[in-house]
Amino acid sequence: MFAKLNRDLNAILARDPAAGSKLAAMFLYPSFQVMLAYRIANPLWQMKIRFPARFIMQLARLFTGIEIHPGATIGCGFFVDHGMGTVIGETAEIGRDVTLYHDVTLGGVMPAVDSDKQRASKRHPTLGDYVIVGAGAQILGPITVHRCARVGGNSVVTKDVPEGATVVGIPARQMTKTTIPIAPTENFSAYAVPDDRESDPRERTIAALVDELQSQRARLAALEEQLASAALPSAAAKSTEKTTPRRGKTIS
């Protein structure tokens, strides 16, 4: 337990420059405080000592604003930045070095029909190692957010997320066409914000359509100018014919 708490403490120092010191992280960060309660309550839950485990976590929720069910499985190096409003359900599974921001919900959805009893009992998401979830995101149901994936803020995720992918939106959709796994040693991306090389495929499609529209407008304007230029000599010739008098023939 103490080794895991030490990893949780080091995660705060590594991912939040404002932490300053271990002493500050221990007393001023609700993430460490709620994880201290969880590291005590989870073994009690596993030993079927259910009421004390729930009571400990309800007290932790009161003081930190972070609600974690003692039955959830959380790996070491876990960090909830800010934390207020974060909810983690009973059957949620979280890997190593995962980062959540405030107002994140790992919610449970009961499958309507599922013959697999184990699957039916699994109601909450699974987050792989090094996953980052932005503020306000909701990850719902027994789905898997695979290793090194990122979930943008305020996204609603109801389907599995591939390894190394970035998803955003309601419902969440993948930002990149191809999935490139991110090495855990790369720089940490605060709030799961993608870098400049990544963009929404819908955004790229709309931009391409706008460029095509502008091109068609330019071609249409050029054709109109050509038609106008060709019409001017014809109009001038017709005007000259009307104004020039006709000479009659003389009979000798």
Foldseek 3Di string as FASTA:
>chain_A
DVVLLVLQLVLCVQPPVVQPDSVSCCPPALFSVLVVLLVVLLVCVVVVVQPVSQVSQVVSCVVQLAHEHSQEAEGGLEEEASRHQEYHDNLEYEEHNEYEYYNEYFEFDADPDDPDPVQRVRGTDYEEHCEYEAANEYEGGHEYAYACEYEAHNEYEDYYHDAQFYWYDDPTDTQDPDHDHDDSPDDDDPRSDDDPVTGRPVVVVVVVVVVVVVVVVVVVVVVVVVVVVVVVVVVVVVVVVVVDDDDDDDDD
